[in-house]
């Protein structure tokens, strides 16, 4: 079976994920847990056996990272011009005060 999930927590030898189909938290036992970080979207292959515990647990046969939908923009950084302020005491820059 295949599960599409978001990684919530990474621990030694296991992941806590949120199944995107059932919206259920699942513990995934895998020796490759340290390759992932919270926020990653993953595709998990497992044999279909899931415990009846809370949260349910599975043993992954294979896990792969799902690439981001919007890849980061590669190129020069965006340039924002500096903020230019009028010199101190400029009379033509502001309307005169009313007395």
Protein backbone atom coordinates (compact mmCIF):
# COMPACT_ATOMS: atom_id res chain seq x y z
CA UNK A 1 0.00 0.00 0.00
CA UNK A 2 1.07 3.60 -0.49
CA UNK A 3 0.49 6.49 1.93
CA UNK A 4 1.05 10.16 1.14
CA UNK A 5 1.87 12.07 4.30
CA UNK A 6 3.44 15.15 5.87
CA UNK A 7 6.23 14.62 8.39
CA UNK A 8 5.31 16.06 11.80
CA UNK A 9 8.20 14.78 13.95
CA UNK A 10 11.44 12.87 13.46
CA UNK A 11 12.79 10.52 16.12
CA UNK A 12 15.48 7.86 16.07
CA UNK A 13 14.18 5.04 13.87
CA UNK A 14 10.69 6.44 13.36
CA UNK A 15 8.62 9.29 11.99
CA UNK A 16 5.34 10.76 13.12
CA UNK A 17 3.38 11.65 9.99
CA UNK A 18 -0.05 13.00 9.09
CA UNK A 19 -1.76 10.84 6.46
CA UNK A 20 -3.07 13.27 3.84
CA UNK A 21 -6.01 11.03 2.90
CA UNK A 22 -7.41 10.11 6.33
CA UNK A 23 -5.99 13.12 8.29
CA UNK A 24 -4.76 10.63 10.89
CA UNK A 25 -1.41 10.70 12.71
CA UNK A 26 0.65 7.56 12.11
CA UNK A 27 3.99 6.36 13.52
CA UNK A 28 6.21 5.02 10.74
CA UNK A 29 9.09 2.73 11.73
CA UNK A 30 12.04 3.12 9.35
CA UNK A 31 15.83 3.09 9.63
CA UNK A 32 15.91 6.06 7.21
CA UNK A 33 14.10 8.44 9.56
CA UNK A 34 17.07 10.80 9.87
CA UNK A 35 16.85 11.67 6.13
CA UNK A 36 13.64 13.62 6.69
CA UNK A 37 12.62 16.72 8.63
CA UNK A 38 9.31 18.14 9.86
CA UNK A 39 7.35 19.69 7.02
CA UNK A 40 8.53 17.26 4.33
CA UNK A 41 5.92 15.59 2.15
CA UNK A 42 6.63 11.88 1.70
CA UNK A 43 5.32 8.83 -0.13
CA UNK A 44 5.45 5.70 2.05
CA UNK A 45 5.22 2.12 0.82
CA UNK A 46 4.20 -0.45 3.45
CA UNK A 47 2.72 -3.96 3.47
CA UNK A 48 -0.78 -2.84 4.52
CA UNK A 49 -0.43 -3.94 8.15
CA UNK A 50 -1.32 -1.15 10.59
CA UNK A 51 -1.65 -1.58 14.33
CA UNK A 52 -4.87 -0.72 16.10
CA UNK A 53 -3.04 1.46 18.65
CA UNK A 54 -3.29 5.22 19.13
CA UNK A 55 -1.58 6.48 17.05
CA UNK A 56 -1.51 3.57 14.59
CA UNK A 57 1.91 2.23 13.58
CA UNK A 58 3.31 0.87 10.33
CA UNK A 59 6.70 -0.39 9.15
CA UNK A 60 7.87 1.29 5.96
CA UNK A 61 9.31 -0.76 3.12
CA UNK A 62 10.32 2.37 1.21
CA UNK A 63 9.95 6.14 1.73
CA UNK A 64 10.62 8.85 -0.81
CA UNK A 65 10.45 12.62 -0.60
CA UNK A 66 7.76 14.27 -2.74
CA UNK A 67 9.33 17.29 -4.47
CA UNK A 68 7.93 20.72 -3.69
CA UNK A 69 5.27 22.02 -6.08
CA UNK A 70 6.99 25.37 -6.41
CA UNK A 71 10.77 24.97 -6.67
CA UNK A 72 12.83 27.81 -5.23
CA UNK A 73 13.69 30.61 -7.63
CA UNK A 74 17.28 30.39 -8.78
CA UNK A 75 18.98 33.57 -9.84
CA UNK A 76 20.26 36.86 -8.57
CA UNK A 77 18.68 38.26 -5.42
CA UNK A 78 15.86 40.74 -5.82
CA UNK A 79 17.12 44.31 -5.54
CA UNK A 80 15.08 46.83 -3.62
CA UNK A 81 16.20 50.44 -4.04
CA UNK A 82 17.11 52.28 -0.84
CA UNK A 83 14.59 54.54 0.83
CA UNK A 84 15.51 58.16 0.07
CA UNK A 85 14.49 60.75 2.60
CA UNK A 86 14.69 64.50 2.17
CA UNK A 87 17.58 66.24 3.89
CA UNK A 88 17.00 67.53 7.42
CA UNK A 89 15.41 70.97 7.43
CA UNK A 90 14.21 70.87 3.82
CA UNK A 91 11.44 73.47 3.52
CA UNK A 92 10.22 72.58 0.06
CA UNK A 93 9.66 68.95 1.01
CA UNK A 94 6.80 69.44 3.47
CA UNK A 95 3.95 71.89 3.55
CA UNK A 96 4.53 74.71 6.01
CA UNK A 97 2.92 74.42 9.47
CA UNK A 98 -0.17 76.43 10.17
CA UNK A 99 0.00 78.74 13.12
